[in-house]
Amino acid sequence: MLGDEESWTPSRTAQRQPTTECHDCGAAVDSAQHTLEVCPRCTVLCQGLTSVLGGDLSLPSIITTMLGDDESWKAMVSFCETVMSQKEADERVREEADDVASIRGRRMGASRRRYLMRLQ
């Protein structure tokens, strides 16, 4: 997830998306920094995170705080797992829509059979 000193790299989920737009709020770029600081969907999760990490959710501050103590590390891991689970669940819902081509590129099992039936 972490890129160079100034940015986050896109997640696996984000790399499969046909657009960089945030599906939740319509922002032009759905990045980790957007999720932490701007996206209204994660406001409650971010409030819990700032209660542990402090108010600065910039990448350098988060890394410093995470490395400083175990509680901060666990809080950030929990936040990331929750957000990624939500985004992946939303992606599955979008993939199930009849008018959307596969984002993952390869479907397996029953999902593949349903998808192929829709194409006929």
PDB file of N, CA and C in Angstrom:
ATOM      1  N   MET A   1       0.792  -1.192   0.000  1.00  0.00           N
ATOM      2  CA  MET A   1       0.000   0.000   0.000  1.00  0.00           C
ATOM      3  C   MET A   1       0.843   1.268   0.000  1.00  0.00           C
ATOM      4  N   LEU A   2       1.970   1.246   0.656  1.00  0.00           N
ATOM      5  CA  LEU A   2       2.769   2.456   0.745  1.00  0.00           C
ATOM      6  C   LEU A   2       3.657   2.597  -0.479  1.00  0.00           C
ATOM      7  N   GLY A   3       3.719   3.812  -0.981  1.00  0.00           N
ATOM      8  CA  GLY A   3       4.579   4.103  -2.126  1.00  0.00           C
ATOM      9  C   GLY A   3       5.787   4.871  -1.657  1.00  0.00           C
ATOM     10  N   ASP A   4       6.131   5.905  -2.385  1.00  0.00           N
ATOM     11  CA  ASP A   4       7.262   6.721  -1.966  1.00  0.00           C
ATOM     12  C   ASP A   4       6.879   7.567  -0.765  1.00  0.00           C
ATOM     13  N   GLU A   5       7.743   8.422  -0.343  1.00  0.00           N
ATOM     14  CA  GLU A   5       7.567   9.195   0.876  1.00  0.00           C
ATOM     15  C   GLU A   5       6.334  10.093   0.852  1.00  0.00           C
ATOM     16  N   GLU A   6       5.910  10.502  -0.322  1.00  0.00           N
ATOM     17  CA  GLU A   6       4.832  11.476  -0.435  1.00  0.00           C
ATOM     18  C   GLU A   6       3.488  10.891  -0.852  1.00  0.00           C
ATOM     19  N   SER A   7       3.413   9.606  -1.201  1.00  0.00           N
ATOM     20  CA  SER A   7       2.154   9.116  -1.738  1.00  0.00           C
ATOM     21  C   SER A   7       1.873   7.682  -1.321  1.00  0.00           C
ATOM     22  N   TRP A   8       0.645   7.295  -1.573  1.00  0.00           N
ATOM     23  CA  TRP A   8       0.206   5.917  -1.388  1.00  0.00           C
ATOM     24  C   TRP A   8       0.121   5.296  -2.768  1.00  0.00           C
ATOM     25  N   THR A   9       0.409   4.013  -2.868  1.00  0.00           N
ATOM     26  CA  THR A   9       0.195   3.343  -4.139  1.00  0.00           C
ATOM     27  C   THR A   9      -1.226   2.807  -4.156  1.00  0.00           C
ATOM     28  N   PRO A  10      -1.819   2.653  -5.333  1.00  0.00           N
ATOM     29  CA  PRO A  10      -3.172   2.122  -5.397  1.00  0.00           C
ATOM     30  C   PRO A  10      -3.221   0.683  -4.906  1.00  0.00           C
ATOM     31  N   SER A  11      -4.318   0.331  -4.295  1.00  0.00           N
ATOM     32  CA  SER A  11      -4.500  -1.036  -3.817  1.00  0.00           C
ATOM     33  C   SER A  11      -4.840  -1.952  -4.985  1.00  0.00           C
ATOM     34  N   ARG A  12      -4.886  -3.255  -4.705  1.00  0.00           N
ATOM     35  CA  ARG A  12      -5.291  -4.218  -5.730  1.00  0.00           C
ATOM     36  C   ARG A  12      -6.669  -3.856  -6.258  1.00  0.00           C
ATOM     37  N   THR A  13      -7.576  -3.516  -5.364  1.00  0.00           N
ATOM     38  CA  THR A  13      -8.937  -3.178  -5.756  1.00  0.00           C
ATOM     39  C   THR A  13      -8.943  -1.955  -6.644  1.00  0.00           C
ATOM     40  N   ALA A  14      -8.220  -0.913  -6.265  1.00  0.00           N
ATOM     41  CA  ALA A  14      -8.200   0.323  -7.044  1.00  0.00           C
ATOM     42  C   ALA A  14      -7.593   0.100  -8.427  1.00  0.00           C
ATOM     43  N   GLN A  15      -6.622  -0.779  -8.541  1.00  0.00           N
ATOM     44  CA  GLN A  15      -5.984  -1.019  -9.831  1.00  0.00           C
ATOM     45  C   GLN A  15      -6.924  -1.704 -10.817  1.00  0.00           C
ATOM     46  N   ARG A  16      -7.943  -2.412 -10.335  1.00  0.00           N
ATOM     47  CA  ARG A  16      -8.893  -3.100 -11.209  1.00  0.00           C
ATOM     48  C   ARG A  16     -10.024  -2.185 -11.660  1.00  0.00           C
ATOM     49  N   GLN A  17     -10.166  -1.041 -11.073  1.00  0.00           N
ATOM     50  CA  GLN A  17     -11.281  -0.160 -11.382  1.00  0.00           C
ATOM     51  C   GLN A  17     -11.092   0.501 -12.742  1.00  0.00           C
ATOM     52  N   PRO A  18     -12.204   0.673 -13.475  1.00  0.00           N
ATOM     53  CA  PRO A  18     -12.102   1.331 -14.778  1.00  0.00           C
ATOM     54  C   PRO A  18     -11.918   2.846 -14.658  1.00  0.00           C
ATOM     55  N   THR A  19     -12.042   3.386 -13.474  1.00  0.00           N
ATOM     56  CA  THR A  19     -11.902   4.814 -13.246  1.00  0.00           C
ATOM     57  C   THR A  19     -11.185   5.059 -11.923  1.00  0.00           C
ATOM     58  N   THR A  20     -10.572   6.215 -11.784  1.00  0.00           N
ATOM     59  CA  THR A  20      -9.929   6.561 -10.513  1.00  0.00           C
ATOM     60  C   THR A  20     -10.895   7.274  -9.580  1.00  0.00           C
ATOM     61  N   GLU A  21     -12.110   7.528 -10.053  1.00  0.00           N
ATOM     62  CA  GLU A  21     -13.111   8.257  -9.276  1.00  0.00           C
ATOM     63  C   GLU A  21     -13.562   7.467  -8.052  1.00  0.00           C
ATOM     64  N   CYS A  22     -13.834   8.177  -6.960  1.00  0.00           N
ATOM     65  CA  CYS A  22     -14.357   7.558  -5.738  1.00  0.00           C
ATOM     66  C   CYS A  22     -15.819   7.179  -5.973  1.00  0.00           C
ATOM     67  N   HIS A  23     -16.151   5.921  -5.791  1.00  0.00           N
ATOM     68  CA  HIS A  23     -17.518   5.451  -6.003  1.00  0.00           C
ATOM     69  C   HIS A  23     -18.460   5.964  -4.917  1.00  0.00           C
ATOM     70  N   ASP A  24     -17.913   6.388  -3.791  1.00  0.00           N
ATOM     71  CA  ASP A  24     -18.745   6.824  -2.675  1.00  0.00           C
ATOM     72  C   ASP A  24     -19.129   8.292  -2.750  1.00  0.00           C
ATOM     73  N   CYS A  25     -18.180   9.161  -3.082  1.00  0.00           N
ATOM     74  CA  CYS A  25     -18.478  10.600  -3.033  1.00  0.00           C
ATOM     75  C   CYS A  25     -18.263  11.313  -4.362  1.00  0.00           C
ATOM     76  N   GLY A  26     -17.729  10.607  -5.364  1.00  0.00           N
ATOM     77  CA  GLY A  26     -17.547  11.207  -6.674  1.00  0.00           C
ATOM     78  C   GLY A  26     -16.284  12.029  -6.841  1.00  0.00           C
ATOM     79  N   ALA A  27     -15.410  12.044  -5.852  1.00  0.00           N
ATOM     80  CA  ALA A  27     -14.145  12.776  -5.975  1.00  0.00           C
ATOM     81  C   ALA A  27     -13.357  12.215  -7.158  1.00  0.00           C
ATOM     82  N   ALA A  28     -12.564  13.061  -7.787  1.00  0.00           N
ATOM     83  CA  ALA A  28     -11.833  12.673  -8.996  1.00  0.00           C
ATOM     84  C   ALA A  28     -10.855  11.528  -8.762  1.00  0.00           C
ATOM     85  N   VAL A  29     -10.226  11.480  -7.586  1.00  0.00           N
ATOM     86  CA  VAL A  29      -9.238  10.441  -7.294  1.00  0.00           C
ATOM     87  C   VAL A  29      -9.564   9.775  -5.959  1.00  0.00           C
ATOM     88  N   ASP A  30      -9.699   8.455  -5.992  1.00  0.00           N
ATOM     89  CA  ASP A  30      -9.944   7.674  -4.777  1.00  0.00           C
ATOM     90  C   ASP A  30      -8.612   7.087  -4.324  1.00  0.00           C
ATOM     91  N   SER A  31      -7.899   7.830  -3.504  1.00  0.00           N
ATOM     92  CA  SER A  31      -6.604   7.385  -2.991  1.00  0.00           C
ATOM     93  C   SER A  31      -6.735   7.088  -1.498  1.00  0.00           C
ATOM     94  N   ALA A  32      -5.703   6.525  -0.929  1.00  0.00           N
ATOM     95  CA  ALA A  32      -5.708   6.284   0.510  1.00  0.00           C
ATOM     96  C   ALA A  32      -5.801   7.606   1.266  1.00  0.00           C
ATOM     97  N   GLN A  33      -5.113   8.625   0.785  1.00  0.00           N
ATOM     98  CA  GLN A  33      -5.163   9.928   1.460  1.00  0.00           C
ATOM     99  C   GLN A  33      -6.570  10.513   1.376  1.00  0.00           C
ATOM    100  N   HIS A  34      -7.234  10.338   0.249  1.00  0.00           N
ATOM    101  CA  HIS A  34      -8.628  10.783   0.100  1.00  0.00           C
ATOM    102  C   HIS A  34      -9.508  10.080   1.127  1.00  0.00           C
ATOM    103  N   THR A  35      -9.327   8.775   1.268  1.00  0.00           N
ATOM    104  CA  THR A  35     -10.118   7.997   2.225  1.00  0.00           C
ATOM    105  C   THR A  35      -9.881   8.481   3.642  1.00  0.00           C
ATOM    106  N   LEU A  36      -8.641   8.759   3.974  1.00  0.00           N
ATOM    107  CA  LEU A  36      -8.307   9.199   5.333  1.00  0.00           C
ATOM    108  C   LEU A  36      -8.783  10.610   5.656  1.00  0.00           C
ATOM    109  N   GLU A  37      -8.732  11.510   4.702  1.00  0.00           N
ATOM    110  CA  GLU A  37      -8.959  12.916   5.021  1.00  0.00           C
ATOM    111  C   GLU A  37     -10.246  13.514   4.475  1.00  0.00           C
ATOM    112  N   VAL A  38     -10.816  12.934   3.410  1.00  0.00           N
ATOM    113  CA  VAL A  38     -11.898  13.623   2.717  1.00  0.00           C
ATOM    114  C   VAL A  38     -13.196  12.817   2.629  1.00  0.00           C
ATOM    115  N   CYS A  39     -13.121  11.568   2.259  1.00  0.00           N
ATOM    116  CA  CYS A  39     -14.307  10.791   1.912  1.00  0.00           C
ATOM    117  C   CYS A  39     -15.294  10.689   3.080  1.00  0.00           C
ATOM    118  N   PRO A  40     -16.534  11.134   2.844  1.00  0.00           N
ATOM    119  CA  PRO A  40     -17.527  11.110   3.917  1.00  0.00           C
ATOM    120  C   PRO A  40     -17.892   9.702   4.378  1.00  0.00           C
ATOM    121  N   ARG A  41     -17.700   8.707   3.526  1.00  0.00           N
ATOM    122  CA  ARG A  41     -18.039   7.335   3.914  1.00  0.00           C
ATOM    123  C   ARG A  41     -17.211   6.855   5.112  1.00  0.00           C
ATOM    124  N   CYS A  42     -15.976   7.326   5.210  1.00  0.00           N
ATOM    125  CA  CYS A  42     -15.072   6.836   6.253  1.00  0.00           C
ATOM    126  C   CYS A  42     -14.945   7.789   7.434  1.00  0.00           C
ATOM    127  N   THR A  43     -15.802   8.778   7.524  1.00  0.00           N
ATOM    128  CA  THR A  43     -15.698   9.780   8.574  1.00  0.00           C
ATOM    129  C   THR A  43     -15.680   9.159   9.967  1.00  0.00           C
ATOM    130  N   VAL A  44     -16.596   8.257  10.235  1.00  0.00           N
ATOM    131  CA  VAL A  44     -16.675   7.641  11.567  1.00  0.00           C
ATOM    132  C   VAL A  44     -15.438   6.797  11.847  1.00  0.00           C
ATOM    133  N   LEU A  45     -15.012   6.016  10.854  1.00  0.00           N
ATOM    134  CA  LEU A  45     -13.795   5.211  11.026  1.00  0.00           C
ATOM    135  C   LEU A  45     -12.577   6.094  11.268  1.00  0.00           C
ATOM    136  N   CYS A  46     -12.498   7.203  10.541  1.00  0.00           N
ATOM    137  CA  CYS A  46     -11.357   8.112  10.694  1.00  0.00           C
ATOM    138  C   CYS A  46     -11.361   8.801  12.059  1.00  0.00           C
ATOM    139  N   GLN A  47     -12.548   9.074  12.583  1.00  0.00           N
ATOM    140  CA  GLN A  47     -12.619   9.675  13.914  1.00  0.00           C
ATOM    141  C   GLN A  47     -12.056   8.725  14.956  1.00  0.00           C
ATOM    142  N   GLY A  48     -12.382   7.450  14.830  1.00  0.00           N
ATOM    143  CA  GLY A  48     -11.812   6.455  15.736  1.00  0.00           C
ATOM    144  C   GLY A  48     -10.310   6.355  15.585  1.00  0.00           C
ATOM    145  N   LEU A  49      -9.851   6.459  14.353  1.00  0.00           N
ATOM    146  CA  LEU A  49      -8.417   6.385  14.087  1.00  0.00           C
ATOM    147  C   LEU A  49      -7.692   7.594  14.667  1.00  0.00           C
ATOM    148  N   THR A  50      -8.253   8.793  14.493  1.00  0.00           N
ATOM    149  CA  THR A  50      -7.598   9.993  15.028  1.00  0.00           C
ATOM    150  C   THR A  50      -7.593  10.006  16.549  1.00  0.00           C
ATOM    151  N   SER A  51      -8.542   9.319  17.173  1.00  0.00           N
ATOM    152  CA  SER A  51      -8.515   9.260  18.637  1.00  0.00           C
ATOM    153  C   SER A  51      -7.304   8.477  19.139  1.00  0.00           C
ATOM    154  N   VAL A  52      -6.798   7.584  18.306  1.00  0.00           N
ATOM    155  CA  VAL A  52      -5.614   6.799  18.674  1.00  0.00           C
ATOM    156  C   VAL A  52      -4.339   7.433  18.116  1.00  0.00           C
ATOM    157  N   LEU A  53      -4.372   7.826  16.835  1.00  0.00           N
ATOM    158  CA  LEU A  53      -3.167   8.331  16.165  1.00  0.00           C
ATOM    159  C   LEU A  53      -2.931   9.824  16.346  1.00  0.00           C
ATOM    160  N   GLY A  54      -3.965  10.556  16.702  1.00  0.00           N
ATOM    161  CA  GLY A  54      -3.870  12.010  16.744  1.00  0.00           C
ATOM    162  C   GLY A  54      -4.513  12.597  15.501  1.00  0.00           C
ATOM    163  N   GLY A  55      -4.566  13.913  15.419  1.00  0.00           N
ATOM    164  CA  GLY A  55      -5.296  14.582  14.359  1.00  0.00           C
ATOM    165  C   GLY A  55      -4.627  14.631  13.005  1.00  0.00           C
ATOM    166  N   ASP A  56      -3.326  14.391  12.934  1.00  0.00           N
ATOM    167  CA  ASP A  56      -2.599  14.482  11.667  1.00  0.00           C
ATOM    168  C   ASP A  56      -2.599  13.125  10.972  1.00  0.00           C
ATOM    169  N   LEU A  57      -3.347  13.023   9.864  1.00  0.00           N
ATOM    170  CA  LEU A  57      -3.413  11.762   9.129  1.00  0.00           C
ATOM    171  C   LEU A  57      -2.576  11.799   7.847  1.00  0.00           C
ATOM    172  N   SER A  58      -1.528  12.622   7.838  1.00  0.00           N
ATOM    173  CA  SER A  58      -0.609  12.619   6.696  1.00  0.00           C
ATOM    174  C   SER A  58       0.243  11.352   6.773  1.00  0.00           C
ATOM    175  N   LEU A  59       0.731  10.917   5.630  1.00  0.00           N
ATOM    176  CA  LEU A  59       1.514   9.681   5.569  1.00  0.00           C
ATOM    177  C   LEU A  59       2.719   9.685   6.514  1.00  0.00           C
ATOM    178  N   PRO A  60       3.556  10.731   6.519  1.00  0.00           N
ATOM    179  CA  PRO A  60       4.706  10.707   7.437  1.00  0.00           C
ATOM    180  C   PRO A  60       4.285  10.611   8.907  1.00  0.00           C
ATOM    181  N   SER A  61       3.221  11.321   9.264  1.00  0.00           N
ATOM    182  CA  SER A  61       2.753  11.283  10.647  1.00  0.00           C
ATOM    183  C   SER A  61       2.218   9.909  11.027  1.00  0.00           C
ATOM    184  N   ILE A  62       1.456   9.309  10.124  1.00  0.00           N
ATOM    185  CA  ILE A  62       0.904   7.974  10.398  1.00  0.00           C
ATOM    186  C   ILE A  62       2.028   6.960  10.592  1.00  0.00           C
ATOM    187  N   ILE A  63       3.009   6.987   9.723  1.00  0.00           N
ATOM    188  CA  ILE A  63       4.120   6.028   9.827  1.00  0.00           C
ATOM    189  C   ILE A  63       4.869   6.218  11.137  1.00  0.00           C
ATOM    190  N   THR A  64       5.175   7.458  11.474  1.00  0.00           N
ATOM    191  CA  THR A  64       5.892   7.737  12.725  1.00  0.00           C
ATOM    192  C   THR A  64       5.100   7.241  13.926  1.00  0.00           C
ATOM    193  N   THR A  65       3.808   7.523  13.930  1.00  0.00           N
ATOM    194  CA  THR A  65       2.959   7.117  15.049  1.00  0.00           C
ATOM    195  C   THR A  65       2.824   5.603  15.124  1.00  0.00           C
ATOM    196  N   MET A  66       2.632   4.967  13.959  1.00  0.00           N
ATOM    197  CA  MET A  66       2.504   3.504  13.936  1.00  0.00           C
ATOM    198  C   MET A  66       3.754   2.820  14.471  1.00  0.00           C
ATOM    199  N   LEU A  67       4.911   3.352  14.122  1.00  0.00           N
ATOM    200  CA  LEU A  67       6.159   2.748  14.569  1.00  0.00           C
ATOM    201  C   LEU A  67       6.440   3.045  16.034  1.00  0.00           C
ATOM    202  N   GLY A  68       5.722   4.037  16.567  1.00  0.00           N
ATOM    203  CA  GLY A  68       5.954   4.444  17.947  1.00  0.00           C
ATOM    204  C   GLY A  68       5.352   3.536  19.001  1.00  0.00           C
ATOM    205  N   ASP A  69       4.189   2.945  18.687  1.00  0.00           N
ATOM    206  CA  ASP A  69       3.592   2.054  19.695  1.00  0.00           C
ATOM    207  C   ASP A  69       2.650   1.051  19.048  1.00  0.00           C
ATOM    208  N   ASP A  70       2.441  -0.034  19.751  1.00  0.00           N
ATOM    209  CA  ASP A  70       1.656  -1.164  19.259  1.00  0.00           C
ATOM    210  C   ASP A  70       0.185  -0.801  19.064  1.00  0.00           C
ATOM    211  N   GLU A  71      -0.373   0.014  19.941  1.00  0.00           N
ATOM    212  CA  GLU A  71      -1.781   0.397  19.838  1.00  0.00           C
ATOM    213  C   GLU A  71      -2.040   1.150  18.528  1.00  0.00           C
ATOM    214  N   SER A  72      -1.160   2.053  18.172  1.00  0.00           N
ATOM    215  CA  SER A  72      -1.301   2.808  16.916  1.00  0.00           C
ATOM    216  C   SER A  72      -1.194   1.881  15.713  1.00  0.00           C
ATOM    217  N   TRP A  73      -0.252   0.965  15.769  1.00  0.00           N
ATOM    218  CA  TRP A  73      -0.079  -0.001  14.683  1.00  0.00           C
ATOM    219  C   TRP A  73      -1.371  -0.798  14.484  1.00  0.00           C
ATOM    220  N   LYS A  74      -1.905  -1.344  15.579  1.00  0.00           N
ATOM    221  CA  LYS A  74      -3.123  -2.155  15.502  1.00  0.00           C
ATOM    222  C   LYS A  74      -4.320  -1.331  15.027  1.00  0.00           C
ATOM    223  N   ALA A  75      -4.415  -0.084  15.450  1.00  0.00           N
ATOM    224  CA  ALA A  75      -5.521   0.777  15.024  1.00  0.00           C
ATOM    225  C   ALA A  75      -5.477   0.998  13.515  1.00  0.00           C
ATOM    226  N   MET A  76      -4.295   1.248  12.972  1.00  0.00           N
ATOM    227  CA  MET A  76      -4.161   1.487  11.533  1.00  0.00           C
ATOM    228  C   MET A  76      -4.431   0.216  10.742  1.00  0.00           C
ATOM    229  N   VAL A  77      -3.940  -0.916  11.212  1.00  0.00           N
ATOM    230  CA  VAL A  77      -4.192  -2.192  10.543  1.00  0.00           C
ATOM    231  C   VAL A  77      -5.696  -2.478  10.521  1.00  0.00           C
ATOM    232  N   SER A  78      -6.357  -2.267  11.634  1.00  0.00           N
ATOM    233  CA  SER A  78      -7.796  -2.485  11.713  1.00  0.00           C
ATOM    234  C   SER A  78      -8.551  -1.565  10.758  1.00  0.00           C
ATOM    235  N   PHE A  79      -8.159  -0.296  10.714  1.00  0.00           N
ATOM    236  CA  PHE A  79      -8.775   0.668   9.803  1.00  0.00           C
ATOM    237  C   PHE A  79      -8.621   0.198   8.356  1.00  0.00           C
ATOM    238  N   CYS A  80      -7.399  -0.162   7.969  1.00  0.00           N
ATOM    239  CA  CYS A  80      -7.137  -0.594   6.590  1.00  0.00           C
ATOM    240  C   CYS A  80      -7.942  -1.845   6.228  1.00  0.00           C
ATOM    241  N   GLU A  81      -7.982  -2.812   7.129  1.00  0.00           N
ATOM    242  CA  GLU A  81      -8.727  -4.038   6.859  1.00  0.00           C
ATOM    243  C   GLU A  81     -10.211  -3.755   6.694  1.00  0.00           C
ATOM    244  N   THR A  82     -10.758  -2.886   7.535  1.00  0.00           N
ATOM    245  CA  THR A  82     -12.175  -2.552   7.455  1.00  0.00           C
ATOM    246  C   THR A  82     -12.499  -1.836   6.150  1.00  0.00           C
ATOM    247  N   VAL A  83     -11.702  -0.834   5.816  1.00  0.00           N
ATOM    248  CA  VAL A  83     -11.950  -0.068   4.590  1.00  0.00           C
ATOM    249  C   VAL A  83     -11.803  -0.960   3.355  1.00  0.00           C
ATOM    250  N   MET A  84     -10.761  -1.761   3.294  1.00  0.00           N
ATOM    251  CA  MET A  84     -10.558  -2.629   2.136  1.00  0.00           C
ATOM    252  C   MET A  84     -11.681  -3.660   2.018  1.00  0.00           C
ATOM    253  N   SER A  85     -12.134  -4.206   3.134  1.00  0.00           N
ATOM    254  CA  SER A  85     -13.248  -5.161   3.098  1.00  0.00           C
ATOM    255  C   SER A  85     -14.501  -4.503   2.531  1.00  0.00           C
ATOM    256  N   GLN A  86     -14.778  -3.279   2.969  1.00  0.00           N
ATOM    257  CA  GLN A  86     -15.940  -2.553   2.464  1.00  0.00           C
ATOM    258  C   GLN A  86     -15.806  -2.278   0.965  1.00  0.00           C
ATOM    259  N   LYS A  87     -14.638  -1.821   0.546  1.00  0.00           N
ATOM    260  CA  LYS A  87     -14.438  -1.507  -0.870  1.00  0.00           C
ATOM    261  C   LYS A  87     -14.533  -2.762  -1.734  1.00  0.00           C
ATOM    262  N   GLU A  88     -13.989  -3.880  -1.267  1.00  0.00           N
ATOM    263  CA  GLU A  88     -14.066  -5.120  -2.027  1.00  0.00           C
ATOM    264  C   GLU A  88     -15.499  -5.643  -2.091  1.00  0.00           C
ATOM    265  N   ALA A  89     -16.260  -5.503  -0.998  1.00  0.00           N
ATOM    266  CA  ALA A  89     -17.671  -5.908  -1.010  1.00  0.00           C
ATOM    267  C   ALA A  89     -18.454  -5.054  -2.001  1.00  0.00           C
ATOM    268  N   ASP A  90     -18.194  -3.753  -2.015  1.00  0.00           N
ATOM    269  CA  ASP A  90     -18.854  -2.858  -2.966  1.00  0.00           C
ATOM    270  C   ASP A  90     -18.494  -3.221  -4.405  1.00  0.00           C
ATOM    271  N   GLU A  91     -17.238  -3.597  -4.624  1.00  0.00           N
ATOM    272  CA  GLU A  91     -16.801  -3.987  -5.958  1.00  0.00           C
ATOM    273  C   GLU A  91     -17.548  -5.235  -6.415  1.00  0.00           C
ATOM    274  N   ARG A  92     -17.722  -6.202  -5.517  1.00  0.00           N
ATOM    275  CA  ARG A  92     -18.458  -7.414  -5.875  1.00  0.00           C
ATOM    276  C   ARG A  92     -19.896  -7.080  -6.264  1.00  0.00           C
ATOM    277  N   VAL A  93     -20.516  -6.154  -5.549  1.00  0.00           N
ATOM    278  CA  VAL A  93     -21.880  -5.735  -5.878  1.00  0.00           C
ATOM    279  C   VAL A  93     -21.916  -5.109  -7.268  1.00  0.00           C
ATOM    280  N   ARG A  94     -20.951  -4.242  -7.566  1.00  0.00           N
ATOM    281  CA  ARG A  94     -20.898  -3.623  -8.895  1.00  0.00           C
ATOM    282  C   ARG A  94     -20.692  -4.675  -9.982  1.00  0.00           C
ATOM    283  N   GLU A  95     -19.862  -5.687  -9.701  1.00  0.00           N
ATOM    284  CA  GLU A  95     -19.615  -6.742 -10.684  1.00  0.00           C
ATOM    285  C   GLU A  95     -20.859  -7.576 -10.943  1.00  0.00           C
ATOM    286  N   GLU A  96     -21.694  -7.717  -9.940  1.00  0.00           N
ATOM    287  CA  GLU A  96     -22.916  -8.518 -10.074  1.00  0.00           C
ATOM    288  C   GLU A  96     -23.961  -7.816 -10.939  1.00  0.00           C
ATOM    289  N   ALA A  97     -23.838  -6.513 -11.104  1.00  0.00           N
ATOM    290  CA  ALA A  97     -24.803  -5.764 -11.911  1.00  0.00           C
ATOM    291  C   ALA A  97     -24.804  -6.307 -13.339  1.00  0.00           C
ATOM    292  N   ASP A  98     -25.975  -6.419 -13.910  1.00  0.00           N
ATOM    293  CA  ASP A  98     -26.107  -6.999 -15.254  1.00  0.00           C
ATOM    294  C   ASP A  98     -25.382  -6.221 -16.327  1.00  0.00           C
ATOM    295  N   ASP A  99     -25.278  -4.917 -16.178  1.00  0.00           N
ATOM    296  CA  ASP A  99     -24.729  -4.092 -17.257  1.00  0.00           C
ATOM    297  C   ASP A  99     -23.240  -3.783 -17.108  1.00  0.00           C
ATOM    298  N   VAL A 100     -22.556  -4.468 -16.205  1.00  0.00           N
ATOM    299  CA  VAL A 100     -21.147  -4.177 -15.956  1.00  0.00           C
ATOM    300  C   VAL A 100     -20.290  -5.372 -16.357  1.00  0.00           C
ATOM    301  N   ALA A 101     -19.279  -5.122 -17.155  1.00  0.00           N
ATOM    302  CA  ALA A 101     -18.332  -6.179 -17.519  1.00  0.00           C
ATOM    303  C   ALA A 101     -17.451  -6.499 -16.319  1.00  0.00           C
ATOM    304  N   SER A 102     -16.844  -7.648 -16.343  1.00  0.00           N
ATOM    305  CA  SER A 102     -16.004  -8.073 -15.234  1.00  0.00           C
ATOM    306  C   SER A 102     -14.843  -7.128 -15.009  1.00  0.00           C
ATOM    307  N   ILE A 103     -14.663  -6.696 -13.763  1.00  0.00           N
ATOM    308  CA  ILE A 103     -13.539  -5.851 -13.394  1.00  0.00           C
ATOM    309  C   ILE A 103     -12.314  -6.732 -13.130  1.00  0.00           C
ATOM    310  N   ARG A 104     -12.549  -7.871 -12.544  1.00  0.00           N
ATOM    311  CA  ARG A 104     -11.452  -8.758 -12.195  1.00  0.00           C
ATOM    312  C   ARG A 104     -10.847  -9.428 -13.424  1.00  0.00           C
ATOM    313  N   GLY A 105     -11.596  -9.496 -14.507  1.00  0.00           N
ATOM    314  CA  GLY A 105     -11.061 -10.081 -15.723  1.00  0.00           C
ATOM    315  C   GLY A 105     -11.274 -11.574 -15.819  1.00  0.00           C
ATOM    316  N   ARG A 106     -11.409 -12.246 -14.706  1.00  0.00           N
ATOM    317  CA  ARG A 106     -11.598 -13.691 -14.735  1.00  0.00           C
ATOM    318  C   ARG A 106     -12.529 -14.089 -13.619  1.00  0.00           C
ATOM    319  N   ARG A 107     -13.659 -14.636 -13.982  1.00  0.00           N
ATOM    320  CA  ARG A 107     -14.624 -15.098 -12.988  1.00  0.00           C
ATOM    321  C   ARG A 107     -14.494 -16.609 -12.866  1.00  0.00           C
ATOM    322  N   MET A 108     -14.829 -17.121 -11.717  1.00  0.00           N
ATOM    323  CA  MET A 108     -14.717 -18.545 -11.473  1.00  0.00           C
ATOM    324  C   MET A 108     -16.084 -19.106 -11.084  1.00  0.00           C
ATOM    325  N   GLY A 109     -16.278 -20.383 -11.302  1.00  0.00           N
ATOM    326  CA  GLY A 109     -17.435 -21.110 -10.818  1.00  0.00           C
ATOM    327  C   GLY A 109     -18.773 -20.530 -11.235  1.00  0.00           C
ATOM    328  N   ALA A 110     -19.688 -20.476 -10.259  1.00  0.00           N
ATOM    329  CA  ALA A 110     -21.054 -20.023 -10.514  1.00  0.00           C
ATOM    330  C   ALA A 110     -21.078 -18.589 -11.017  1.00  0.00           C
ATOM    331  N   SER A 111     -20.198 -17.754 -10.496  1.00  0.00           N
ATOM    332  CA  SER A 111     -20.138 -16.365 -10.945  1.00  0.00           C
ATOM    333  C   SER A 111     -19.806 -16.296 -12.429  1.00  0.00           C
ATOM    334  N   ARG A 112     -18.899 -17.136 -12.888  1.00  0.00           N
ATOM    335  CA  ARG A 112     -18.535 -17.165 -14.310  1.00  0.00           C
ATOM    336  C   ARG A 112     -19.706 -17.639 -15.157  1.00  0.00           C
ATOM    337  N   ARG A 113     -20.403 -18.688 -14.698  1.00  0.00           N
ATOM    338  CA  ARG A 113     -21.542 -19.208 -15.465  1.00  0.00           C
ATOM    339  C   ARG A 113     -22.638 -18.152 -15.588  1.00  0.00           C
ATOM    340  N   ARG A 114     -22.949 -17.443 -14.490  1.00  0.00           N
ATOM    341  CA  ARG A 114     -23.962 -16.382 -14.536  1.00  0.00           C
ATOM    342  C   ARG A 114     -23.538 -15.283 -15.498  1.00  0.00           C
ATOM    343  N   TYR A 115     -22.281 -14.903 -15.439  1.00  0.00           N
ATOM    344  CA  TYR A 115     -21.771 -13.845 -16.309  1.00  0.00           C
ATOM    345  C   TYR A 115     -21.873 -14.263 -17.783  1.00  0.00           C
ATOM    346  N   LEU A 116     -21.464 -15.475 -18.100  1.00  0.00           N
ATOM    347  CA  LEU A 116     -21.524 -15.952 -19.478  1.00  0.00           C
ATOM    348  C   LEU A 116     -22.957 -16.042 -19.971  1.00  0.00           C
ATOM    349  N   MET A 117     -23.885 -16.429 -19.103  1.00  0.00           N
ATOM    350  CA  MET A 117     -25.302 -16.483 -19.481  1.00  0.00           C
ATOM    351  C   MET A 117     -25.824 -15.098 -19.841  1.00  0.00           C
ATOM    352  N   ARG A 118     -25.381 -14.075 -19.120  1.00  0.00           N
ATOM    353  CA  ARG A 118     -25.819 -12.712 -19.395  1.00  0.00           C
ATOM    354  C   ARG A 118     -25.310 -12.220 -20.739  1.00  0.00           C
ATOM    355  N   LEU A 119     -24.164 -12.739 -21.182  1.00  0.00           N
ATOM    356  CA  LEU A 119     -23.578 -12.288 -22.450  1.00  0.00           C
ATOM    357  C   LEU A 119     -24.287 -12.886 -23.662  1.00  0.00           C
ATOM    358  N   GLN A 120     -24.987 -13.977 -23.471  1.00  0.00           N
ATOM    359  CA  GLN A 120     -25.651 -14.647 -24.593  1.00  0.00           C
ATOM    360  C   GLN A 120     -26.933 -13.973 -25.002  1.00  0.00           C
TER     361      GLN A 120
END
